[in-house]
């Protein structure tokens, strides 16, 4: 019985390590949205661009809505803050963002390393 518990414990401890191994560098394309309005009332698209710009300028979190309907939180890289600042200026429009994609606690995010207009 002790061997079974040891195997179960070892498997449980291996899960976080396996999840961290999924982190990868990739590029995403889509609409940059302010997460407050997007989550509260599906705020997106051209008609919402000015509001998104004001909200992000006021501190609302920044996200990306891909063509596949996936949403990623955009996260600042403290060692390279310029790309995130550039992404904030493009909110309400489309962009291509490159960075480390991470998934933690049910949230998927990209740590912004580069941003480009499509």
Foldseek 3Di string as FASTA:
>chain_A
DVVVVVVVVVVVVCVVVVQQVPKDKDKAKAAKFQVVCCVPPNQAAQVRQVVRLVVVVVPGWIWGQGPVRDIATEAEDVVARVQVVVVSVRHRHMKMFIAIWHADPNHIHGHGDHIGRD
